[in-house]
Protein backbone atom coordinates (compact mmCIF):
# COMPACT_ATOMS: atom_id res chain seq x y z
CA UNK A 1 -22.85 -23.07 -9.06
CA UNK A 2 -19.76 -21.39 -7.74
CA UNK A 3 -16.54 -22.03 -9.60
CA UNK A 4 -13.39 -22.29 -7.40
CA UNK A 5 -10.05 -20.77 -8.36
CA UNK A 6 -6.79 -20.78 -6.42
CA UNK A 7 -7.01 -17.21 -5.14
CA UNK A 8 -10.78 -16.42 -5.13
CA UNK A 9 -13.87 -18.17 -6.31
CA UNK A 10 -16.22 -16.25 -8.54
CA UNK A 11 -19.95 -16.80 -8.96
CA UNK A 12 -21.46 -16.74 -12.43
CA UNK A 13 -23.99 -14.05 -11.49
CA UNK A 14 -22.92 -10.46 -12.23
CA UNK A 15 -23.53 -7.61 -9.89
CA UNK A 16 -24.46 -4.14 -10.97
CA UNK A 17 -21.51 -1.83 -10.13
CA UNK A 18 -24.00 0.97 -9.46
CA UNK A 19 -25.78 -1.04 -6.72
CA UNK A 20 -22.40 -1.87 -5.10
CA UNK A 21 -21.41 1.77 -5.05
CA UNK A 22 -24.61 2.94 -3.34
CA UNK A 23 -23.38 2.12 0.25
CA UNK A 24 -20.25 4.14 -0.31
CA UNK A 25 -22.27 7.03 -1.60
CA UNK A 26 -24.47 6.80 1.48
CA UNK A 27 -21.45 6.74 3.79
CA UNK A 28 -19.98 9.82 2.09
CA UNK A 29 -23.30 11.64 2.43
CA UNK A 30 -23.52 10.66 6.12
CA UNK A 31 -19.94 11.82 6.77
CA UNK A 32 -20.47 15.19 4.98
CA UNK A 33 -23.80 15.78 6.74
CA UNK A 34 -22.25 15.02 10.17
CA UNK A 35 -19.15 17.10 9.38
CA UNK A 36 -21.20 20.21 8.43
CA UNK A 37 -23.58 19.69 11.34
CA UNK A 38 -20.77 19.47 13.92
CA UNK A 39 -18.44 22.05 12.32
CA UNK A 40 -19.18 24.78 14.89
CA UNK A 41 -18.46 22.45 17.80
CA UNK A 42 -15.30 21.14 16.14
CA UNK A 43 -13.97 24.63 15.55
CA UNK A 44 -14.69 25.59 19.20
CA UNK A 45 -12.99 22.41 20.43
CA UNK A 46 -9.86 22.97 18.31
CA UNK A 47 -9.70 26.65 19.19
CA UNK A 48 -10.22 26.41 22.92
CA UNK A 49 -8.63 23.11 23.92
CA UNK A 50 -4.96 22.54 24.71
CA UNK A 51 -3.28 20.82 21.74
CA UNK A 52 -1.54 17.57 22.38
CA UNK A 53 -1.03 14.10 20.93
CA UNK A 54 -4.72 13.09 21.22
CA UNK A 55 -5.68 16.29 19.35
CA UNK A 56 -3.86 14.89 16.29
CA UNK A 57 -5.59 11.54 16.82
CA UNK A 58 -8.88 13.40 16.87
CA UNK A 59 -8.00 15.18 13.62
CA UNK A 60 -7.09 11.84 12.00
CA UNK A 61 -10.44 10.36 13.03
CA UNK A 62 -12.42 13.41 11.87
CA UNK A 63 -10.78 13.84 8.38
CA UNK A 64 -9.21 10.66 7.18
CA UNK A 65 -12.57 8.83 6.66
CA UNK A 66 -13.29 11.15 3.67
CA UNK A 67 -9.93 10.16 2.05
CA UNK A 68 -10.75 6.56 2.91
CA UNK A 69 -14.07 6.58 1.17
CA UNK A 70 -12.83 8.51 -1.85
CA UNK A 71 -10.02 6.03 -2.37
CA UNK A 72 -12.54 3.24 -2.06
CA UNK A 73 -14.75 4.87 -4.79
CA UNK A 74 -11.62 4.93 -7.05
CA UNK A 75 -11.17 1.22 -6.49
CA UNK A 76 -14.77 0.70 -7.60
CA UNK A 77 -14.04 2.09 -11.06
CA UNK A 78 -14.00 -1.03 -13.37
CA UNK A 79 -12.06 0.78 -16.10
CA UNK A 80 -9.12 1.85 -13.87
CA UNK A 81 -5.76 0.36 -14.95
CA UNK A 82 -4.73 -2.52 -12.80
CA UNK A 83 -1.63 -0.84 -11.34
CA UNK A 84 -3.55 2.28 -10.34
CA UNK A 85 -6.35 0.18 -8.91
CA UNK A 86 -3.91 -1.81 -6.78
CA UNK A 87 -2.24 1.41 -5.60
CA UNK A 88 -5.68 2.83 -4.65
CA UNK A 89 -6.58 -0.38 -2.82
CA UNK A 90 -3.30 -0.40 -0.78
CA UNK A 91 -3.69 3.29 0.04
CA UNK A 92 -7.28 2.67 1.07
CA UNK A 93 -6.16 -0.09 3.44
CA UNK A 94 -3.49 1.98 5.14
CA UNK A 95 -5.72 5.06 5.55
CA UNK A 96 -8.24 2.84 7.17
CA UNK A 97 -5.61 1.37 9.49
CA UNK A 98 -4.38 4.89 10.51
CA UNK A 99 -7.98 5.97 11.17
CA UNK A 100 -8.66 3.05 13.46
CA UNK A 101 -5.32 3.51 15.24
CA UNK A 102 -6.29 7.10 15.96
CA UNK A 103 -9.64 5.97 17.43
CA UNK A 104 -8.05 3.20 19.53
CA UNK A 105 -5.34 5.46 20.86
CA UNK A 106 -7.85 8.00 22.13
CA UNK A 107 -9.35 5.31 24.35
CA UNK A 108 -5.89 4.07 25.30
CA UNK A 109 -4.96 7.54 26.47
CA UNK A 110 -8.06 7.62 28.65
CA UNK A 111 -7.24 4.27 30.15
CA UNK A 112 -3.72 5.50 30.75
CA UNK A 113 -5.06 8.47 32.71
CA UNK A 114 -7.40 6.25 34.79
CA UNK A 115 -4.36 4.16 35.74
CA UNK A 116 -2.70 7.26 37.19
CA UNK A 117 -0.51 7.79 34.15
CA UNK A 118 1.97 5.16 35.32
CA UNK A 119 5.02 4.65 33.16
CA UNK A 120 4.67 0.89 33.38
CA UNK A 121 1.06 1.16 32.08
CA UNK A 122 2.22 3.38 29.20
CA UNK A 123 4.89 0.79 28.30
CA UNK A 124 2.29 -2.00 28.38
CA UNK A 125 -0.11 0.06 26.19
CA UNK A 126 2.59 0.78 23.61
CA UNK A 127 3.64 -2.90 23.59
CA UNK A 128 0.09 -4.20 23.12
CA UNK A 129 -0.54 -1.53 20.40
CA UNK A 130 2.45 -2.82 18.45
CA UNK A 131 1.56 -6.43 19.20
CA UNK A 132 -1.96 -5.97 17.76
CA UNK A 133 -1.02 -3.58 14.95
CA UNK A 134 1.76 -5.77 13.45
CA UNK A 135 -0.33 -8.91 12.70
CA UNK A 136 -3.39 -6.77 11.63
CA UNK A 137 -1.27 -4.87 9.09
CA UNK A 138 0.46 -8.02 7.83
CA UNK A 139 -2.82 -9.88 7.51
CA UNK A 140 -4.45 -7.08 5.49
CA UNK A 141 -1.30 -6.75 3.33
CA UNK A 142 -1.39 -10.50 2.67
CA UNK A 143 -5.06 -10.22 1.83
CA UNK A 144 -4.36 -7.52 -0.72
CA UNK A 145 -1.54 -9.57 -2.28
CA UNK A 146 -3.73 -12.72 -2.54
CA UNK A 147 -6.49 -10.95 -4.40
CA UNK A 148 -5.01 -11.08 -7.91
CA UNK A 149 -7.34 -8.43 -9.33
CA UNK A 150 -8.20 -5.66 -6.83
CA UNK A 151 -10.87 -4.20 -9.09
CA UNK A 152 -12.91 -7.38 -9.25
CA UNK A 153 -15.54 -6.15 -6.81
CA UNK A 154 -17.54 -3.96 -9.27
CA UNK A 155 -17.81 -6.65 -11.85
CA UNK A 156 -18.69 -9.87 -10.05
CA UNK A 157 -19.93 -11.34 -6.84
CA UNK A 158 -17.03 -13.25 -5.36
CA UNK A 159 -16.52 -15.67 -2.52
CA UNK A 160 -13.05 -15.70 -0.88
CA UNK A 161 -11.33 -18.96 -0.51
CA UNK A 162 -10.44 -20.26 2.96
CA UNK A 163 -6.82 -19.06 3.03
CA UNK A 164 -7.77 -15.55 1.96
CA UNK A 165 -10.70 -15.35 4.34
CA UNK A 166 -8.42 -16.28 7.33
CA UNK A 167 -6.57 -12.98 6.77
CA UNK A 168 -9.76 -11.07 7.29
CA UNK A 169 -10.75 -13.15 10.32
CA UNK A 170 -7.34 -12.47 11.95
CA UNK A 171 -7.35 -8.75 11.21
CA UNK A 172 -10.79 -7.92 12.50
CA UNK A 173 -10.74 -10.52 15.27
CA UNK A 174 -7.57 -8.89 16.72
CA UNK A 175 -9.16 -5.43 16.37
CA UNK A 176 -12.13 -6.62 18.45
CA UNK A 177 -9.76 -8.11 21.07
CA UNK A 178 -7.87 -4.85 21.32
CA UNK A 179 -11.06 -2.86 21.94
CA UNK A 180 -12.27 -5.40 24.58
CA UNK A 181 -8.83 -5.33 26.29
CA UNK A 182 -8.93 -1.51 26.63
CA UNK A 183 -12.48 -1.71 28.00
CA UNK A 184 -11.57 -4.35 30.55
CA UNK A 185 -8.56 -2.47 31.73
CA UNK A 186 -10.73 0.59 32.34
CA UNK A 187 -13.52 -1.39 34.07
CA UNK A 188 -11.03 -3.13 36.34
CA UNK A 189 -9.45 0.10 37.42
CA UNK A 190 -12.77 1.87 37.95
CA UNK A 191 -14.09 -1.05 40.00
CA UNK A 192 -11.22 -0.45 42.44
CA UNK A 193 -11.94 3.26 42.82
CA UNK A 194 -13.46 4.77 45.93
CA UNK A 195 -17.24 4.30 45.86
CA UNK A 196 -16.92 1.45 43.41
CA UNK A 197 -17.36 1.75 39.63
CA UNK A 198 -17.17 5.56 39.75
CA UNK A 199 -20.96 5.84 39.89
CA UNK A 200 -20.77 9.04 41.87
CA UNK A 201 -18.40 10.71 39.40
CA UNK A 202 -20.10 12.42 36.47
CA UNK A 203 -17.08 12.29 34.15
CA UNK A 204 -16.31 8.69 34.96
CA UNK A 205 -19.87 7.71 34.17
CA UNK A 206 -19.49 9.43 30.77
CA UNK A 207 -16.15 7.71 30.22
CA UNK A 208 -17.62 4.28 30.88
CA UNK A 209 -20.61 4.88 28.59
CA UNK A 210 -18.33 6.01 25.81
CA UNK A 211 -16.10 2.93 26.13
CA UNK A 212 -19.09 0.59 26.38
CA UNK A 213 -20.71 2.04 23.25
CA UNK A 214 -17.52 2.15 21.19
CA UNK A 215 -16.42 -1.38 22.23
CA UNK A 216 -19.90 -2.75 21.68
CA UNK A 217 -20.20 -1.31 18.16
CA UNK A 218 -16.68 -2.36 17.27
CA UNK A 219 -17.30 -5.96 18.41
CA UNK A 220 -20.59 -6.03 16.50
CA UNK A 221 -19.01 -4.72 13.29
CA UNK A 222 -15.98 -7.07 13.53
CA UNK A 223 -18.28 -10.09 14.13
CA UNK A 224 -20.46 -8.90 11.19
CA UNK A 225 -17.41 -8.73 8.86
CA UNK A 226 -16.31 -12.20 9.80
CA UNK A 227 -19.79 -13.73 9.38
CA UNK A 228 -20.53 -11.97 6.11
CA UNK A 229 -17.12 -12.93 4.72
CA UNK A 230 -17.86 -16.56 5.56
CA UNK A 231 -21.44 -16.80 4.35
CA UNK A 232 -21.82 -14.12 1.68
CA UNK A 233 -19.96 -12.85 -1.36
CA UNK A 234 -17.06 -10.62 -0.19
CA UNK A 235 -18.59 -7.36 -1.38
CA UNK A 236 -21.02 -7.65 1.52
CA UNK A 237 -18.22 -7.95 4.04
CA UNK A 238 -16.28 -5.26 2.28
CA UNK A 239 -19.19 -2.84 2.77
CA UNK A 240 -19.50 -3.78 6.43
CA UNK A 241 -15.80 -3.05 6.92
CA UNK A 242 -16.18 0.34 5.25
CA UNK A 243 -19.10 1.10 7.51
CA UNK A 244 -17.12 0.09 10.61
CA UNK A 245 -14.27 2.51 9.96
CA UNK A 246 -16.49 5.46 9.07
CA UNK A 247 -19.13 4.90 11.79
CA UNK A 248 -16.58 4.30 14.60
CA UNK A 249 -14.64 7.39 13.51
CA UNK A 250 -17.82 9.43 13.74
CA UNK A 251 -18.55 7.98 17.13
CA UNK A 252 -15.14 8.73 18.62
CA UNK A 253 -15.00 12.30 17.41
CA UNK A 254 -18.47 13.01 18.80
CA UNK A 255 -17.54 11.37 22.06
CA UNK A 256 -14.31 13.30 22.23
CA UNK A 257 -16.04 16.68 21.78
CA UNK A 258 -18.85 15.73 24.06
CA UNK A 259 -16.48 14.70 26.81
CA UNK A 260 -14.56 17.97 26.50
CA UNK A 261 -17.75 20.03 26.39
CA UNK A 262 -19.08 18.22 29.54
CA UNK A 263 -15.87 19.10 31.40
CA UNK A 264 -16.10 22.82 30.38
CA UNK A 265 -19.72 22.99 31.52
CA UNK A 266 -18.53 22.30 35.10
CA UNK A 267 -15.82 24.94 35.06
CA UNK A 268 -12.73 22.86 34.24
CA UNK A 269 -11.92 25.14 31.25
CA UNK A 270 -8.21 25.21 31.94
CA UNK A 271 -7.84 21.43 31.51
CA UNK A 272 -7.67 19.50 28.31
CA UNK A 273 -10.20 16.66 28.31
CA UNK A 274 -8.56 15.03 25.28
CA UNK A 275 -5.52 14.26 27.51
CA UNK A 276 -7.73 13.47 30.50
CA UNK A 277 -5.58 15.62 32.86
CA UNK A 278 -8.78 16.41 34.75
CA UNK A 279 -9.00 12.82 35.91
CA UNK A 280 -6.13 13.13 38.39
CA UNK A 281 -7.94 15.73 40.35
CA UNK A 282 -11.46 14.59 39.67
CA UNK A 283 -10.98 10.93 40.82
CA UNK A 284 -9.69 9.62 44.11
CA UNK A 285 -8.42 6.05 43.59
CA UNK A 286 -7.49 3.85 46.45
């Protein structure tokens, strides 16, 4: 029988902290393995590409997940003083937000290039970024403040109450909407290109595949977080959220390098694929 409290309801069954920490250990192992495996490509990319804003976005996506996971492991220490645990939890939240902003902005930059780098489109993208980011950040901050004891996860299996769960629904629902919006803007513009849908353009096909894969995985993860938070103890949803940030960061860094490498293979070495400057010459929009 689940006992209800004002902030969070806690089940009487205890959960082994070791079992709860296994997914984080697995994520750290996956990230380290991928980082070592892709290190030569990453060094080549950073050394040979022209640095710009999206290069720093790439660096954020490729390195912040490690800090994100380490902070999460500190939160999982049941003997940590409450004030330190809360600080770790808040830092973990904001590192995750910055990581996802970097990933989303990379695809926004690509959509901006497809739309002929119009100033009006840049203004719209900046406005929508702020419009999504503000309620997401507020919702996650309110969630942190509503959980009275941030280190409760290792000790018990807890169900969030309705008011606290709504913060999670809003944050990850808006994140999924932002990803879908970027994809739709790209698909609409490509559908208006000469030849229709850019099928005859090698780089555009790669761009569309990247966006479809990233948006599809992001939507699936966000839906999974909402469903698991509603039907399962929150540690399950918490693990899904951790997986989303790490897996999508790995996806976007691999896509970024792969896109740049594909452009170099066809002789466009002087251009920077991360800023999509190639697209103005490679595509002919009507």
